[in-house]
Amino acid sequence: MDPDLKDRIVDFSMPSVPVGTAVLWYPMGRRSAMPMVAYVLHCGARTTQLYLASGRRMDAVRHLADPKLELNSDQRENGAWDFTEQHKEFISFREEMERRLAALEKSEPVSAPAKPKKKPGNPAAKANLQEYRELQRHAQRLGINPTQKKVELKEAIAARLGQESKLPTTPEAINNG
């Protein structure tokens, strides 16, 4: 055996491939063979178990770059696998994006976006809200549903207390008030 081949066999580590990943399976362990689509069922240290699109299961399949495939035909008996072109393009794209992100992080410090300044509130609206909340508390003490509108709360409180409603009832009074 060639000493260089022996060193390459010892140094080779199969690429990591998650279970369920679509890969290409080469029947005779050579790139020249027509590949078939397969899915990874199990991934070991040096071999994988594949489920071919044809329904066949292949055990102990080596990666196409594994130097052991060069030893003899027995090593290629179960074929060889490699990533699909789409997967290779995605990995290349992801590495490029990670490289760009690292370059951006080095060039500009990342800071939190500035919080928008609060605009001062409308004093009349605050007073109206405060009056409404006071009415709600008063209504609750009297056992009146506090989720009503402000006008309805005033009338309900006045009715409960036996007072005459001070709300305008005539069209002229409504338009003037």
C-alpha atoms as a PDB file:
ATOM      1  CA  MET A   1       0.000   0.000   0.000  1.00  0.00           C
ATOM      2  CA  ASP A   2       1.162   3.483  -0.861  1.00  0.00           C
ATOM      3  CA  PRO A   3       2.392   5.262   2.321  1.00  0.00           C
ATOM      4  CA  ASP A   4       0.757   8.499   1.180  1.00  0.00           C
ATOM      5  CA  LEU A   5      -2.599   6.713   0.812  1.00  0.00           C
ATOM      6  CA  LYS A   6      -2.207   5.234   4.299  1.00  0.00           C
ATOM      7  CA  ASP A   7      -1.649   8.705   5.765  1.00  0.00           C
ATOM      8  CA  ARG A   8      -4.657  10.114   3.896  1.00  0.00           C
ATOM      9  CA  ILE A   9      -6.840   7.249   5.184  1.00  0.00           C
ATOM     10  CA  VAL A  10      -5.767   7.909   8.775  1.00  0.00           C
ATOM     11  CA  ASP A  11      -6.226  11.695   8.438  1.00  0.00           C
ATOM     12  CA  PHE A  12      -9.604  11.553   6.666  1.00  0.00           C
ATOM     13  CA  SER A  13     -12.684  12.590   8.591  1.00  0.00           C
ATOM     14  CA  MET A  14     -16.069  12.279   6.961  1.00  0.00           C
ATOM     15  CA  PRO A  15     -18.110  15.494   6.681  1.00  0.00           C
ATOM     16  CA  SER A  16     -20.851  15.847   9.251  1.00  0.00           C
ATOM     17  CA  VAL A  17     -24.302  15.231   7.796  1.00  0.00           C
ATOM     18  CA  PRO A  18     -27.548  15.461   9.801  1.00  0.00           C
ATOM     19  CA  VAL A  19     -30.069  12.633   9.694  1.00  0.00           C
ATOM     20  CA  GLY A  20     -32.741  13.319   7.058  1.00  0.00           C
ATOM     21  CA  THR A  21     -30.460  15.262   4.726  1.00  0.00           C
ATOM     22  CA  ALA A  22     -30.903  14.586   1.020  1.00  0.00           C
ATOM     23  CA  VAL A  23     -27.634  13.417  -0.562  1.00  0.00           C
ATOM     24  CA  LEU A  24     -26.496  11.815  -3.799  1.00  0.00           C
ATOM     25  CA  TRP A  25     -25.570   8.133  -3.796  1.00  0.00           C
ATOM     26  CA  TYR A  26     -23.100   6.900  -6.422  1.00  0.00           C
ATOM     27  CA  PRO A  27     -23.651   3.144  -7.031  1.00  0.00           C
ATOM     28  CA  MET A  28     -20.077   2.099  -7.742  1.00  0.00           C
ATOM     29  CA  GLY A  29     -18.404   4.612  -5.450  1.00  0.00           C
ATOM     30  CA  ARG A  30     -17.240   6.696  -8.416  1.00  0.00           C
ATOM     31  CA  ARG A  31     -18.370  10.115  -9.550  1.00  0.00           C
ATOM     32  CA  SER A  32     -18.636   8.809 -13.114  1.00  0.00           C
ATOM     33  CA  ALA A  33     -21.656   6.648 -12.153  1.00  0.00           C
ATOM     34  CA  MET A  34     -25.168   8.107 -12.450  1.00  0.00           C
ATOM     35  CA  PRO A  35     -26.144   9.240  -8.918  1.00  0.00           C
ATOM     36  CA  MET A  36     -29.457   8.593  -7.161  1.00  0.00           C
ATOM     37  CA  VAL A  37     -31.163  10.683  -4.498  1.00  0.00           C
ATOM     38  CA  ALA A  38     -30.885   9.236  -0.999  1.00  0.00           C
ATOM     39  CA  TYR A  39     -31.648  10.324   2.543  1.00  0.00           C
ATOM     40  CA  VAL A  40     -29.370   9.895   5.537  1.00  0.00           C
ATOM     41  CA  LEU A  41     -30.772   7.452   8.114  1.00  0.00           C
ATOM     42  CA  HIS A  42     -27.698   7.225  10.343  1.00  0.00           C
ATOM     43  CA  CYS A  43     -24.300   8.867  10.381  1.00  0.00           C
ATOM     44  CA  GLY A  44     -21.313   7.122  11.904  1.00  0.00           C
ATOM     45  CA  ALA A  45     -17.680   8.192  12.206  1.00  0.00           C
ATOM     46  CA  ARG A  46     -16.632   6.919   8.734  1.00  0.00           C
ATOM     47  CA  THR A  47     -19.813   5.636   7.092  1.00  0.00           C
ATOM     48  CA  THR A  48     -23.497   6.465   6.737  1.00  0.00           C
ATOM     49  CA  GLN A  49     -26.672   4.491   6.299  1.00  0.00           C
ATOM     50  CA  LEU A  50     -28.782   5.739   3.398  1.00  0.00           C
ATOM     51  CA  TYR A  51     -32.358   5.235   2.250  1.00  0.00           C
ATOM     52  CA  LEU A  52     -32.494   5.453  -1.531  1.00  0.00           C
ATOM     53  CA  ALA A  53     -35.410   7.048  -3.359  1.00  0.00           C
ATOM     54  CA  SER A  54     -35.977   3.616  -4.938  1.00  0.00           C
ATOM     55  CA  GLY A  55     -36.797   2.204  -1.479  1.00  0.00           C
ATOM     56  CA  ARG A  56     -33.527   0.354  -0.999  1.00  0.00           C
ATOM     57  CA  ARG A  57     -31.447   0.783   2.182  1.00  0.00           C
ATOM     58  CA  MET A  58     -27.663   0.952   1.925  1.00  0.00           C
ATOM     59  CA  ASP A  59     -25.404   0.354   4.939  1.00  0.00           C
ATOM     60  CA  ALA A  60     -21.761   1.359   5.467  1.00  0.00           C
ATOM     61  CA  VAL A  61     -21.668   3.913   2.648  1.00  0.00           C
ATOM     62  CA  ARG A  62     -18.477   5.958   2.569  1.00  0.00           C
ATOM     63  CA  HIS A  63     -18.145   9.567   1.494  1.00  0.00           C
ATOM     64  CA  LEU A  64     -16.976  10.073  -2.083  1.00  0.00           C
ATOM     65  CA  ALA A  65     -13.762  11.760  -0.851  1.00  0.00           C
ATOM     66  CA  ASP A  66     -12.847   8.878   1.480  1.00  0.00           C
ATOM     67  CA  PRO A  67      -9.402   7.577   0.441  1.00  0.00           C
ATOM     68  CA  LYS A  68     -10.400   4.008   1.422  1.00  0.00           C
ATOM     69  CA  LEU A  69     -12.472   3.889  -1.785  1.00  0.00           C
ATOM     70  CA  GLU A  70      -9.180   3.838  -3.688  1.00  0.00           C
ATOM     71  CA  LEU A  71      -8.015   0.623  -2.008  1.00  0.00           C
ATOM     72  CA  ASN A  72     -10.129  -1.906  -3.904  1.00  0.00           C
ATOM     73  CA  SER A  73     -13.599  -2.661  -5.232  1.00  0.00           C
ATOM     74  CA  ASP A  74     -14.699  -4.196  -1.920  1.00  0.00           C
ATOM     75  CA  GLN A  75     -14.579  -0.723  -0.373  1.00  0.00           C
ATOM     76  CA  ARG A  76     -16.813   0.632  -3.162  1.00  0.00           C
ATOM     77  CA  GLU A  77     -19.320  -2.236  -2.947  1.00  0.00           C
ATOM     78  CA  ASN A  78     -21.923  -0.145  -1.085  1.00  0.00           C
ATOM     79  CA  GLY A  79     -21.341   2.898  -3.244  1.00  0.00           C
ATOM     80  CA  ALA A  80     -20.427   6.360  -2.006  1.00  0.00           C
ATOM     81  CA  TRP A  81     -22.338   9.486  -1.111  1.00  0.00           C
ATOM     82  CA  ASP A  82     -21.834  13.220  -1.574  1.00  0.00           C
ATOM     83  CA  PHE A  83     -23.843  16.361  -0.875  1.00  0.00           C
ATOM     84  CA  THR A  84     -26.235  17.655  -3.535  1.00  0.00           C
ATOM     85  CA  GLU A  85     -25.217  20.722  -5.538  1.00  0.00           C
ATOM     86  CA  GLN A  86     -27.931  22.772  -3.802  1.00  0.00           C
ATOM     87  CA  HIS A  87     -26.513  21.812  -0.409  1.00  0.00           C
ATOM     88  CA  LYS A  88     -22.992  22.754  -1.502  1.00  0.00           C
ATOM     89  CA  GLU A  89     -24.260  26.120  -2.796  1.00  0.00           C
ATOM     90  CA  PHE A  90     -26.100  26.749   0.468  1.00  0.00           C
ATOM     91  CA  ILE A  91     -23.001  25.938   2.543  1.00  0.00           C
ATOM     92  CA  SER A  92     -20.929  28.264   0.360  1.00  0.00           C
ATOM     93  CA  PHE A  93     -23.559  31.013   0.707  1.00  0.00           C
ATOM     94  CA  ARG A  94     -23.720  30.573   4.497  1.00  0.00           C
ATOM     95  CA  GLU A  95     -19.929  30.736   4.827  1.00  0.00           C
ATOM     96  CA  GLU A  96     -19.875  33.912   2.706  1.00  0.00           C
ATOM     97  CA  MET A  97     -22.583  35.513   4.882  1.00  0.00           C
ATOM     98  CA  GLU A  98     -20.720  34.548   8.063  1.00  0.00           C
ATOM     99  CA  ARG A  99     -17.529  36.056   6.629  1.00  0.00           C
ATOM    100  CA  ARG A 100     -19.345  39.295   5.723  1.00  0.00           C
ATOM    101  CA  LEU A 101     -21.002  39.487   9.121  1.00  0.00           C
ATOM    102  CA  ALA A 102     -17.679  39.039  10.878  1.00  0.00           C
ATOM    103  CA  ALA A 103     -16.183  41.821   8.731  1.00  0.00           C
ATOM    104  CA  LEU A 104     -19.111  44.122   9.568  1.00  0.00           C
ATOM    105  CA  GLU A 105     -18.826  43.408  13.274  1.00  0.00           C
ATOM    106  CA  LYS A 106     -15.123  44.263  13.178  1.00  0.00           C
ATOM    107  CA  SER A 107     -15.631  47.513  11.257  1.00  0.00           C
ATOM    108  CA  GLU A 108     -18.572  48.971  13.202  1.00  0.00           C
ATOM    109  CA  PRO A 109     -19.417  48.427  16.825  1.00  0.00           C
ATOM    110  CA  VAL A 110     -22.901  47.122  17.287  1.00  0.00           C
ATOM    111  CA  SER A 111     -25.036  49.376  19.455  1.00  0.00           C
ATOM    112  CA  ALA A 112     -28.633  49.212  20.510  1.00  0.00           C
ATOM    113  CA  PRO A 113     -31.002  51.413  18.530  1.00  0.00           C
ATOM    114  CA  ALA A 114     -31.781  54.712  20.217  1.00  0.00           C
ATOM    115  CA  LYS A 115     -35.083  54.827  22.044  1.00  0.00           C
ATOM    116  CA  PRO A 116     -37.478  57.402  20.647  1.00  0.00           C
ATOM    117  CA  LYS A 117     -38.016  60.374  22.924  1.00  0.00           C
ATOM    118  CA  LYS A 118     -41.376  60.504  24.597  1.00  0.00           C
ATOM    119  CA  LYS A 119     -43.577  63.321  23.450  1.00  0.00           C
ATOM    120  CA  PRO A 120     -45.187  65.307  26.234  1.00  0.00           C
ATOM    121  CA  GLY A 121     -48.764  64.177  26.733  1.00  0.00           C
ATOM    122  CA  ASN A 122     -51.830  66.310  26.146  1.00  0.00           C
ATOM    123  CA  PRO A 123     -52.770  67.797  29.557  1.00  0.00           C
ATOM    124  CA  ALA A 124     -56.487  67.907  28.678  1.00  0.00           C
ATOM    125  CA  ALA A 125     -56.429  64.223  27.716  1.00  0.00           C
ATOM    126  CA  LYS A 126     -54.636  63.355  30.957  1.00  0.00           C
ATOM    127  CA  ALA A 127     -57.209  65.263  32.983  1.00  0.00           C
ATOM    128  CA  ASN A 128     -60.055  63.560  31.084  1.00  0.00           C
ATOM    129  CA  LEU A 129     -58.526  60.142  31.721  1.00  0.00           C
ATOM    130  CA  GLN A 130     -58.015  60.929  35.381  1.00  0.00           C
ATOM    131  CA  GLU A 131     -61.665  62.024  35.692  1.00  0.00           C
ATOM    132  CA  TYR A 132     -62.827  58.832  33.931  1.00  0.00           C
ATOM    133  CA  ARG A 133     -60.761  56.624  36.243  1.00  0.00           C
ATOM    134  CA  GLU A 134     -62.151  58.444  39.267  1.00  0.00           C
ATOM    135  CA  LEU A 135     -65.669  57.848  37.944  1.00  0.00           C
ATOM    136  CA  GLN A 136     -64.861  54.152  37.459  1.00  0.00           C
ATOM    137  CA  ARG A 137     -63.652  53.830  41.060  1.00  0.00           C
ATOM    138  CA  HIS A 138     -66.747  55.650  42.355  1.00  0.00           C
ATOM    139  CA  ALA A 139     -69.025  53.449  40.204  1.00  0.00           C
ATOM    140  CA  GLN A 140     -67.335  50.313  41.485  1.00  0.00           C
ATOM    141  CA  ARG A 141     -67.892  51.400  45.091  1.00  0.00           C
ATOM    142  CA  LEU A 142     -71.600  51.857  44.276  1.00  0.00           C
ATOM    143  CA  GLY A 143     -71.818  48.447  42.570  1.00  0.00           C
ATOM    144  CA  ILE A 144     -72.163  49.867  39.040  1.00  0.00           C
ATOM    145  CA  ASN A 145     -70.427  48.250  36.062  1.00  0.00           C
ATOM    146  CA  PRO A 146     -67.232  50.376  35.672  1.00  0.00           C
ATOM    147  CA  THR A 147     -66.653  49.429  32.011  1.00  0.00           C
ATOM    148  CA  GLN A 148     -69.287  51.819  30.704  1.00  0.00           C
ATOM    149  CA  LYS A 149     -68.574  55.022  28.815  1.00  0.00           C
ATOM    150  CA  LYS A 150     -67.884  58.185  30.789  1.00  0.00           C
ATOM    151  CA  VAL A 151     -71.306  59.762  30.084  1.00  0.00           C
ATOM    152  CA  GLU A 152     -73.123  56.558  31.030  1.00  0.00           C
ATOM    153  CA  LEU A 153     -71.109  56.305  34.246  1.00  0.00           C
ATOM    154  CA  LYS A 154     -72.075  59.855  35.247  1.00  0.00           C
ATOM    155  CA  GLU A 155     -75.762  59.128  34.654  1.00  0.00           C
ATOM    156  CA  ALA A 156     -75.637  55.795  36.472  1.00  0.00           C
ATOM    157  CA  ILE A 157     -73.893  57.330  39.486  1.00  0.00           C
ATOM    158  CA  ALA A 158     -76.387  60.223  39.566  1.00  0.00           C
ATOM    159  CA  ALA A 159     -79.317  57.802  39.330  1.00  0.00           C
ATOM    160  CA  ARG A 160     -77.904  55.586  42.094  1.00  0.00           C
ATOM    161  CA  LEU A 161     -77.407  58.562  44.358  1.00  0.00           C
ATOM    162  CA  GLY A 162     -80.947  59.802  43.587  1.00  0.00           C
ATOM    163  CA  GLN A 163     -79.676  63.030  42.084  1.00  0.00           C
ATOM    164  CA  GLU A 164     -80.927  64.846  39.053  1.00  0.00           C
ATOM    165  CA  SER A 165     -78.626  64.211  36.064  1.00  0.00           C
ATOM    166  CA  LYS A 166     -76.625  67.339  35.220  1.00  0.00           C
ATOM    167  CA  LEU A 167     -76.116  66.157  31.665  1.00  0.00           C
ATOM    168  CA  PRO A 168     -77.794  68.158  28.902  1.00  0.00           C
ATOM    169  CA  THR A 169     -80.935  66.509  27.565  1.00  0.00           C
ATOM    170  CA  THR A 170     -82.346  69.068  25.111  1.00  0.00           C
ATOM    171  CA  PRO A 171     -80.808  69.584  21.642  1.00  0.00           C
ATOM    172  CA  GLU A 172     -80.061  73.268  22.421  1.00  0.00           C
ATOM    173  CA  ALA A 173     -78.269  72.391  25.613  1.00  0.00           C
ATOM    174  CA  ILE A 174     -76.298  69.640  23.889  1.00  0.00           C
ATOM    175  CA  ASN A 175     -75.141  71.983  21.099  1.00  0.00           C
ATOM    176  CA  ASN A 176     -74.189  74.739  23.575  1.00  0.00           C
ATOM    177  CA  GLY A 177     -72.589  72.485  26.095  1.00  0.00           C
END
